Amino acid sequence: MTQTTAAPAARAPDDTVRLRLDPHPSRTTVLDGAWWPRSTDAVTELPRLVRALAGLRGEITHVLLNTAEWDLPHPGRTAVDHRAVRLGWYTSQPAGLVTIMSEFGHDRFDLLVVPPDASQASADAVSAAAADATDRRHTPELLAEIEYTG
């Protein structure tokens, strides 16, 4: 399990990026991990994710998202530490999936997006499954297992 933070420990807990990654990246896995954003506001959430991933998987250049799952606006770029990361908004992008592309050999990896209103127990369970290279379930199967708060 890898959990990273987007900010020093002195910041508020809601600055922590809830991220779990397979510690041994491979092109043969179904998913490379999971991200549990706190909202569906991509303008707020994506810079935190990109910062958290940058040191782990190289410089992030593109993020592909499902249009229907995120609040408007859907900008074409987001600023992260004085540089631009391109955002691609697609209706064909599978629900519950974000694809990250990095500079290293134009590498890409896929993260399950855990809905913000998922229960803690569900988020933990599906995040662990998404980061487990031996778990062959796809995003729709994992999303179907989530219980919600409220």
N, C-alpha and C. Protein backbone atom coordinates (compact mmCIF):
# COMPACT_ATOMS: atom_id res chain seq x y z
N MET A 1 0.84 -1.18 0.00
CA MET A 1 0.00 0.00 0.00
C MET A 1 0.88 1.22 0.00
N THR A 2 0.52 2.19 -0.82
CA THR A 2 1.21 3.46 -0.84
C THR A 2 0.19 4.54 -0.62
N GLN A 3 0.36 5.30 0.42
CA GLN A 3 -0.45 6.48 0.62
C GLN A 3 0.48 7.67 0.58
N THR A 4 0.12 8.67 -0.17
CA THR A 4 0.97 9.84 -0.26
C THR A 4 0.19 11.06 0.16
N THR A 5 0.91 12.08 0.51
CA THR A 5 0.27 13.34 0.85
C THR A 5 0.73 14.40 -0.11
N ALA A 6 -0.13 15.32 -0.38
CA ALA A 6 0.18 16.40 -1.30
C ALA A 6 0.76 17.60 -0.57
N ALA A 7 0.87 17.52 0.73
CA ALA A 7 1.32 18.67 1.50
C ALA A 7 2.03 18.19 2.75
N PRO A 8 2.83 19.05 3.37
CA PRO A 8 3.49 18.68 4.61
C PRO A 8 2.47 18.31 5.69
N ALA A 9 2.89 17.54 6.66
CA ALA A 9 2.01 17.07 7.72
C ALA A 9 1.37 18.20 8.51
N ALA A 10 1.95 19.39 8.46
CA ALA A 10 1.41 20.52 9.22
C ALA A 10 0.08 21.02 8.66
N ARG A 11 -0.24 20.66 7.44
CA ARG A 11 -1.50 21.10 6.83
C ARG A 11 -2.67 20.31 7.34
N ALA A 12 -3.85 20.80 7.02
CA ALA A 12 -5.09 20.15 7.46
C ALA A 12 -5.19 18.75 6.86
N PRO A 13 -5.85 17.81 7.55
CA PRO A 13 -5.98 16.44 7.06
C PRO A 13 -6.66 16.34 5.70
N ASP A 14 -7.50 17.30 5.33
CA ASP A 14 -8.18 17.19 4.04
C ASP A 14 -7.27 17.56 2.88
N ASP A 15 -6.01 17.88 3.13
CA ASP A 15 -5.03 18.05 2.07
C ASP A 15 -4.35 16.74 1.70
N THR A 16 -4.61 15.70 2.47
CA THR A 16 -4.02 14.40 2.22
C THR A 16 -4.69 13.77 1.00
N VAL A 17 -3.88 13.28 0.09
CA VAL A 17 -4.40 12.59 -1.09
C VAL A 17 -4.64 11.14 -0.71
N ARG A 18 -5.87 10.71 -0.87
CA ARG A 18 -6.22 9.33 -0.53
C ARG A 18 -5.96 8.48 -1.78
N LEU A 19 -4.80 7.85 -1.77
CA LEU A 19 -4.28 7.18 -2.94
C LEU A 19 -3.64 5.86 -2.51
N ARG A 20 -3.94 4.81 -3.24
CA ARG A 20 -3.30 3.52 -2.98
C ARG A 20 -2.83 2.98 -4.33
N LEU A 21 -1.55 2.64 -4.41
CA LEU A 21 -0.96 2.17 -5.66
C LEU A 21 -0.35 0.80 -5.49
N ASP A 22 -0.35 0.05 -6.59
CA ASP A 22 0.39 -1.20 -6.63
C ASP A 22 1.87 -0.83 -6.48
N PRO A 23 2.57 -1.39 -5.50
CA PRO A 23 3.96 -1.01 -5.30
C PRO A 23 4.89 -1.47 -6.41
N HIS A 24 4.42 -2.38 -7.27
CA HIS A 24 5.23 -2.90 -8.37
C HIS A 24 4.49 -2.67 -9.68
N PRO A 25 4.58 -1.48 -10.25
CA PRO A 25 3.83 -1.17 -11.47
C PRO A 25 4.12 -2.18 -12.58
N SER A 26 3.09 -2.52 -13.32
CA SER A 26 3.22 -3.48 -14.41
C SER A 26 2.16 -3.19 -15.46
N ARG A 27 2.48 -3.45 -16.68
CA ARG A 27 1.51 -3.28 -17.75
C ARG A 27 0.52 -4.45 -17.82
N THR A 28 0.72 -5.47 -17.01
CA THR A 28 -0.16 -6.63 -17.07
C THR A 28 -1.28 -6.58 -16.04
N THR A 29 -1.31 -5.57 -15.20
CA THR A 29 -2.38 -5.46 -14.21
C THR A 29 -3.63 -4.85 -14.82
N VAL A 30 -4.77 -5.14 -14.21
CA VAL A 30 -6.02 -4.54 -14.65
C VAL A 30 -6.05 -3.07 -14.25
N LEU A 31 -5.74 -2.81 -12.98
CA LEU A 31 -5.69 -1.44 -12.46
C LEU A 31 -4.36 -1.25 -11.74
N ASP A 32 -3.92 -0.01 -11.68
CA ASP A 32 -2.66 0.29 -11.01
C ASP A 32 -2.86 0.83 -9.60
N GLY A 33 -4.10 0.99 -9.20
CA GLY A 33 -4.39 1.50 -7.87
C GLY A 33 -5.72 2.22 -7.84
N ALA A 34 -5.91 3.00 -6.77
CA ALA A 34 -7.17 3.71 -6.58
C ALA A 34 -6.92 5.09 -5.99
N TRP A 35 -7.81 5.99 -6.32
CA TRP A 35 -7.79 7.35 -5.81
C TRP A 35 -9.18 7.65 -5.27
N TRP A 36 -9.24 8.20 -4.08
CA TRP A 36 -10.51 8.54 -3.44
C TRP A 36 -10.56 10.04 -3.23
N PRO A 37 -11.02 10.79 -4.23
CA PRO A 37 -11.10 12.25 -4.08
C PRO A 37 -12.18 12.63 -3.07
N ARG A 38 -12.07 13.82 -2.53
CA ARG A 38 -13.04 14.29 -1.53
C ARG A 38 -14.27 14.95 -2.17
N SER A 39 -14.19 15.23 -3.46
CA SER A 39 -15.31 15.86 -4.16
C SER A 39 -15.25 15.49 -5.63
N THR A 40 -16.24 15.97 -6.39
CA THR A 40 -16.24 15.79 -7.84
C THR A 40 -15.82 17.08 -8.55
N ASP A 41 -15.13 17.93 -7.83
CA ASP A 41 -14.59 19.18 -8.37
C ASP A 41 -13.17 18.91 -8.88
N ALA A 42 -13.04 18.61 -10.15
CA ALA A 42 -11.74 18.25 -10.72
C ALA A 42 -10.73 19.39 -10.63
N VAL A 43 -11.19 20.61 -10.72
CA VAL A 43 -10.29 21.77 -10.65
C VAL A 43 -9.56 21.79 -9.30
N THR A 44 -10.23 21.39 -8.25
CA THR A 44 -9.62 21.33 -6.92
C THR A 44 -8.85 20.03 -6.71
N GLU A 45 -9.41 18.92 -7.11
CA GLU A 45 -8.86 17.60 -6.79
C GLU A 45 -7.65 17.20 -7.63
N LEU A 46 -7.66 17.50 -8.92
CA LEU A 46 -6.59 17.00 -9.80
C LEU A 46 -5.19 17.53 -9.49
N PRO A 47 -5.01 18.80 -9.17
CA PRO A 47 -3.65 19.23 -8.84
C PRO A 47 -3.05 18.47 -7.66
N ARG A 48 -3.85 18.16 -6.66
CA ARG A 48 -3.37 17.37 -5.52
C ARG A 48 -2.91 15.98 -5.97
N LEU A 49 -3.73 15.34 -6.81
CA LEU A 49 -3.38 14.01 -7.30
C LEU A 49 -2.09 14.06 -8.11
N VAL A 50 -2.00 15.01 -9.02
CA VAL A 50 -0.81 15.11 -9.87
C VAL A 50 0.44 15.33 -9.03
N ARG A 51 0.36 16.19 -8.04
CA ARG A 51 1.52 16.41 -7.15
C ARG A 51 1.92 15.13 -6.43
N ALA A 52 0.93 14.39 -5.95
CA ALA A 52 1.22 13.16 -5.22
C ALA A 52 1.86 12.10 -6.11
N LEU A 53 1.46 12.06 -7.36
CA LEU A 53 1.98 11.04 -8.28
C LEU A 53 3.30 11.42 -8.93
N ALA A 54 3.59 12.70 -9.03
CA ALA A 54 4.74 13.16 -9.80
C ALA A 54 6.04 12.50 -9.37
N GLY A 55 6.31 12.40 -8.11
CA GLY A 55 7.55 11.80 -7.65
C GLY A 55 7.57 10.29 -7.76
N LEU A 56 6.41 9.69 -7.90
CA LEU A 56 6.31 8.23 -7.94
C LEU A 56 6.35 7.66 -9.34
N ARG A 57 5.79 8.37 -10.29
CA ARG A 57 5.63 7.83 -11.64
C ARG A 57 6.14 8.79 -12.71
N GLY A 58 7.01 9.69 -12.36
CA GLY A 58 7.52 10.65 -13.34
C GLY A 58 6.62 11.85 -13.46
N GLU A 59 7.00 12.75 -14.31
CA GLU A 59 6.24 13.98 -14.52
C GLU A 59 4.94 13.66 -15.25
N ILE A 60 3.82 14.04 -14.67
CA ILE A 60 2.52 13.77 -15.27
C ILE A 60 2.26 14.80 -16.37
N THR A 61 1.88 14.33 -17.55
CA THR A 61 1.64 15.22 -18.68
C THR A 61 0.16 15.31 -19.07
N HIS A 62 -0.60 14.23 -18.89
CA HIS A 62 -2.00 14.18 -19.29
C HIS A 62 -2.83 13.40 -18.27
N VAL A 63 -4.08 13.81 -18.11
CA VAL A 63 -5.04 13.08 -17.29
C VAL A 63 -6.32 12.95 -18.11
N LEU A 64 -6.83 11.72 -18.23
CA LEU A 64 -8.05 11.47 -18.99
C LEU A 64 -9.17 11.12 -18.02
N LEU A 65 -10.31 11.77 -18.21
CA LEU A 65 -11.42 11.63 -17.27
C LEU A 65 -12.75 11.41 -18.00
N ASN A 66 -13.71 10.84 -17.27
CA ASN A 66 -15.07 10.68 -17.77
C ASN A 66 -15.81 11.99 -17.52
N THR A 67 -16.35 12.58 -18.56
CA THR A 67 -17.02 13.87 -18.48
C THR A 67 -18.17 13.89 -17.48
N ALA A 68 -18.97 12.85 -17.45
CA ALA A 68 -20.19 12.83 -16.63
C ALA A 68 -19.92 12.76 -15.13
N GLU A 69 -18.75 12.35 -14.73
CA GLU A 69 -18.48 12.13 -13.31
C GLU A 69 -17.93 13.34 -12.57
N TRP A 70 -17.63 14.40 -13.27
CA TRP A 70 -16.99 15.56 -12.66
C TRP A 70 -17.81 16.82 -12.89
N ASP A 71 -17.78 17.69 -11.89
CA ASP A 71 -18.49 18.97 -11.99
C ASP A 71 -17.90 19.84 -13.09
N LEU A 72 -18.71 20.73 -13.60
CA LEU A 72 -18.23 21.75 -14.53
C LEU A 72 -17.46 22.80 -13.74
N PRO A 73 -16.50 23.46 -14.30
CA PRO A 73 -16.07 23.41 -15.69
C PRO A 73 -15.16 22.21 -15.96
N HIS A 74 -14.96 21.93 -17.24
CA HIS A 74 -14.05 20.90 -17.69
C HIS A 74 -12.92 21.57 -18.47
N PRO A 75 -11.94 22.12 -17.74
CA PRO A 75 -10.87 22.84 -18.44
C PRO A 75 -9.97 21.89 -19.23
N GLY A 76 -9.31 22.43 -20.21
CA GLY A 76 -8.39 21.65 -21.04
C GLY A 76 -7.03 21.44 -20.38
N ARG A 77 -6.76 22.24 -19.36
CA ARG A 77 -5.48 22.14 -18.64
C ARG A 77 -5.71 22.52 -17.19
N THR A 78 -4.79 22.07 -16.35
CA THR A 78 -4.78 22.51 -14.97
C THR A 78 -3.35 22.87 -14.61
N ALA A 79 -3.18 23.89 -13.82
CA ALA A 79 -1.85 24.32 -13.39
C ALA A 79 -1.45 23.54 -12.15
N VAL A 80 -0.25 22.99 -12.21
CA VAL A 80 0.31 22.27 -11.07
C VAL A 80 1.75 22.74 -10.90
N ASP A 81 1.98 23.46 -9.83
CA ASP A 81 3.33 23.96 -9.55
C ASP A 81 3.95 24.68 -10.76
N HIS A 82 3.25 25.62 -11.29
CA HIS A 82 3.72 26.50 -12.37
C HIS A 82 3.92 25.79 -13.71
N ARG A 83 3.26 24.68 -13.91
CA ARG A 83 3.28 24.04 -15.22
C ARG A 83 1.90 23.51 -15.53
N ALA A 84 1.65 23.29 -16.78
CA ALA A 84 0.32 22.86 -17.20
C ALA A 84 0.28 21.35 -17.43
N VAL A 85 -0.81 20.74 -16.98
CA VAL A 85 -1.08 19.33 -17.25
C VAL A 85 -2.34 19.31 -18.10
N ARG A 86 -2.28 18.63 -19.22
CA ARG A 86 -3.44 18.56 -20.11
C ARG A 86 -4.49 17.61 -19.56
N LEU A 87 -5.75 18.03 -19.70
CA LEU A 87 -6.88 17.22 -19.27
C LEU A 87 -7.70 16.83 -20.48
N GLY A 88 -8.04 15.57 -20.57
CA GLY A 88 -8.90 15.08 -21.64
C GLY A 88 -10.22 14.61 -21.05
N TRP A 89 -11.30 15.16 -21.55
CA TRP A 89 -12.65 14.85 -21.05
C TRP A 89 -13.37 14.03 -22.11
N TYR A 90 -13.76 12.80 -21.76
CA TYR A 90 -14.34 11.90 -22.74
C TYR A 90 -15.58 11.21 -22.19
N THR A 91 -16.61 11.15 -23.01
CA THR A 91 -17.78 10.36 -22.63
C THR A 91 -17.47 8.87 -22.76
N SER A 92 -16.47 8.52 -23.53
CA SER A 92 -16.10 7.12 -23.73
C SER A 92 -15.14 6.61 -22.64
N GLN A 93 -14.62 7.48 -21.82
CA GLN A 93 -13.75 7.04 -20.71
C GLN A 93 -14.61 6.22 -19.75
N PRO A 94 -14.19 5.02 -19.39
CA PRO A 94 -15.03 4.21 -18.50
C PRO A 94 -15.34 4.92 -17.18
N ALA A 95 -16.54 4.71 -16.70
CA ALA A 95 -16.95 5.28 -15.42
C ALA A 95 -16.03 4.76 -14.32
N GLY A 96 -15.68 5.65 -13.41
CA GLY A 96 -14.87 5.25 -12.27
C GLY A 96 -13.41 5.04 -12.58
N LEU A 97 -12.94 5.54 -13.71
CA LEU A 97 -11.56 5.34 -14.11
C LEU A 97 -10.93 6.66 -14.50
N VAL A 98 -9.71 6.89 -14.04
CA VAL A 98 -8.92 8.02 -14.49
C VAL A 98 -7.62 7.43 -15.04
N THR A 99 -7.22 7.91 -16.21
CA THR A 99 -6.00 7.44 -16.84
C THR A 99 -4.97 8.55 -16.75
N ILE A 100 -3.81 8.20 -16.25
CA ILE A 100 -2.72 9.14 -16.04
C ILE A 100 -1.62 8.80 -17.03
N MET A 101 -1.08 9.81 -17.68
CA MET A 101 0.03 9.60 -18.61
C MET A 101 1.21 10.42 -18.13
N SER A 102 2.38 9.79 -18.17
CA SER A 102 3.58 10.46 -17.70
C SER A 102 4.62 10.53 -18.80
N GLU A 103 5.64 11.33 -18.52
CA GLU A 103 6.69 11.57 -19.51
C GLU A 103 7.57 10.35 -19.74
N PHE A 104 7.71 9.47 -18.76
CA PHE A 104 8.62 8.34 -18.89
C PHE A 104 8.13 7.38 -19.96
N GLY A 105 8.70 7.45 -21.12
CA GLY A 105 8.32 6.55 -22.20
C GLY A 105 6.86 6.63 -22.56
N HIS A 106 6.26 7.78 -22.29
CA HIS A 106 4.83 7.96 -22.54
C HIS A 106 4.03 6.87 -21.83
N ASP A 107 4.43 6.57 -20.61
CA ASP A 107 3.78 5.55 -19.80
C ASP A 107 2.39 6.01 -19.39
N ARG A 108 1.51 5.06 -19.16
CA ARG A 108 0.16 5.37 -18.68
C ARG A 108 -0.19 4.39 -17.58
N PHE A 109 -1.06 4.84 -16.70
CA PHE A 109 -1.59 3.95 -15.69
C PHE A 109 -3.00 4.36 -15.36
N ASP A 110 -3.76 3.37 -14.91
CA ASP A 110 -5.19 3.54 -14.67
C ASP A 110 -5.49 3.41 -13.18
N LEU A 111 -6.28 4.37 -12.69
CA LEU A 111 -6.68 4.36 -11.30
C LEU A 111 -8.19 4.27 -11.19
N LEU A 112 -8.66 3.41 -10.32
CA LEU A 112 -10.07 3.39 -9.95
C LEU A 112 -10.34 4.70 -9.21
N VAL A 113 -11.43 5.37 -9.55
CA VAL A 113 -11.85 6.56 -8.82
C VAL A 113 -12.97 6.14 -7.88
N VAL A 114 -12.67 6.15 -6.59
CA VAL A 114 -13.66 5.80 -5.58
C VAL A 114 -14.56 7.02 -5.40
N PRO A 115 -15.87 6.87 -5.50
CA PRO A 115 -16.76 8.03 -5.34
C PRO A 115 -16.56 8.71 -3.98
N PRO A 116 -16.61 10.04 -3.95
CA PRO A 116 -16.38 10.78 -2.71
C PRO A 116 -17.29 10.37 -1.56
N ASP A 117 -18.51 9.93 -1.87
CA ASP A 117 -19.46 9.58 -0.80
C ASP A 117 -19.45 8.10 -0.44
N ALA A 118 -18.39 7.39 -0.82
CA ALA A 118 -18.25 5.99 -0.43
C ALA A 118 -17.97 5.89 1.06
N SER A 119 -18.40 4.81 1.67
CA SER A 119 -18.09 4.59 3.08
C SER A 119 -16.60 4.29 3.22
N GLN A 120 -16.06 4.57 4.37
CA GLN A 120 -14.63 4.31 4.62
C GLN A 120 -14.29 2.84 4.39
N ALA A 121 -15.11 1.94 4.90
CA ALA A 121 -14.84 0.50 4.75
C ALA A 121 -14.86 0.09 3.28
N SER A 122 -15.83 0.58 2.53
CA SER A 122 -15.89 0.25 1.10
C SER A 122 -14.70 0.82 0.35
N ALA A 123 -14.37 2.07 0.64
CA ALA A 123 -13.23 2.71 -0.02
C ALA A 123 -11.95 1.94 0.25
N ASP A 124 -11.76 1.53 1.49
CA ASP A 124 -10.56 0.76 1.84
C ASP A 124 -10.53 -0.56 1.09
N ALA A 125 -11.65 -1.25 1.04
CA ALA A 125 -11.70 -2.57 0.39
C ALA A 125 -11.44 -2.48 -1.11
N VAL A 126 -12.12 -1.58 -1.80
CA VAL A 126 -11.94 -1.50 -3.25
C VAL A 126 -10.58 -0.91 -3.61
N SER A 127 -10.06 -0.02 -2.77
CA SER A 127 -8.72 0.53 -3.02
C SER A 127 -7.66 -0.55 -2.90
N ALA A 128 -7.79 -1.39 -1.90
CA ALA A 128 -6.85 -2.50 -1.73
C ALA A 128 -6.92 -3.44 -2.93
N ALA A 129 -8.12 -3.73 -3.40
CA ALA A 129 -8.29 -4.63 -4.55
C ALA A 129 -7.69 -4.01 -5.81
N ALA A 130 -7.91 -2.72 -6.02
CA ALA A 130 -7.40 -2.05 -7.22
C ALA A 130 -5.87 -2.00 -7.23
N ALA A 131 -5.26 -1.98 -6.07
CA ALA A 131 -3.80 -1.91 -5.97
C ALA A 131 -3.15 -3.30 -5.88
N ASP A 132 -3.95 -4.33 -5.94
CA ASP A 132 -3.46 -5.70 -5.84
C ASP A 132 -3.31 -6.28 -7.24
N ALA A 133 -2.09 -6.54 -7.65
CA ALA A 133 -1.82 -7.03 -9.00
C ALA A 133 -2.47 -8.38 -9.28
N THR A 134 -2.79 -9.13 -8.25
CA THR A 134 -3.41 -10.45 -8.46
C THR A 134 -4.92 -10.37 -8.57
N ASP A 135 -5.49 -9.22 -8.26
CA ASP A 135 -6.95 -9.04 -8.35
C ASP A 135 -7.28 -8.65 -9.79
N ARG A 136 -8.02 -9.47 -10.48
CA ARG A 136 -8.29 -9.27 -11.91
C ARG A 136 -9.62 -8.57 -12.18
N ARG A 137 -10.28 -8.04 -11.14
CA ARG A 137 -11.55 -7.37 -11.35
C ARG A 137 -11.34 -6.01 -12.02
N HIS A 138 -12.31 -5.67 -12.84
CA HIS A 138 -12.29 -4.39 -13.55
C HIS A 138 -13.09 -3.35 -12.76
N THR A 139 -12.98 -2.12 -13.19
CA THR A 139 -13.62 -1.00 -12.51
C THR A 139 -15.11 -1.21 -12.24
N PRO A 140 -15.93 -1.62 -13.21
CA PRO A 140 -17.37 -1.79 -12.93
C PRO A 140 -17.65 -2.78 -11.80
N GLU A 141 -16.87 -3.85 -11.74
CA GLU A 141 -17.07 -4.84 -10.68
C GLU A 141 -16.74 -4.26 -9.31
N LEU A 142 -15.68 -3.48 -9.23
CA LEU A 142 -15.30 -2.87 -7.95
C LEU A 142 -16.29 -1.79 -7.54
N LEU A 143 -16.73 -0.99 -8.50
CA LEU A 143 -17.70 0.07 -8.19
C LEU A 143 -19.01 -0.53 -7.66
N ALA A 144 -19.39 -1.69 -8.17
CA ALA A 144 -20.63 -2.33 -7.74
C ALA A 144 -20.57 -2.77 -6.29
N GLU A 145 -19.41 -2.91 -5.72
CA GLU A 145 -19.25 -3.36 -4.34
C GLU A 145 -19.28 -2.21 -3.31
N ILE A 146 -19.29 -0.99 -3.78
CA ILE A 146 -19.19 0.16 -2.87
C ILE A 146 -20.50 0.44 -2.17
N GLU A 147 -20.40 0.64 -0.87
CA GLU A 147 -21.53 1.12 -0.06
C GLU A 147 -21.28 2.60 0.19
N TYR A 148 -22.37 3.34 0.30
CA TYR A 148 -22.27 4.79 0.42
C TYR A 148 -22.70 5.28 1.78
N THR A 149 -22.17 6.45 2.18
CA THR A 149 -22.55 7.06 3.44
C THR A 149 -23.87 7.82 3.24
N GLY A 150 -24.53 8.07 4.34
CA GLY A 150 -25.72 8.90 4.25
C GLY A 150 -26.96 8.19 4.29
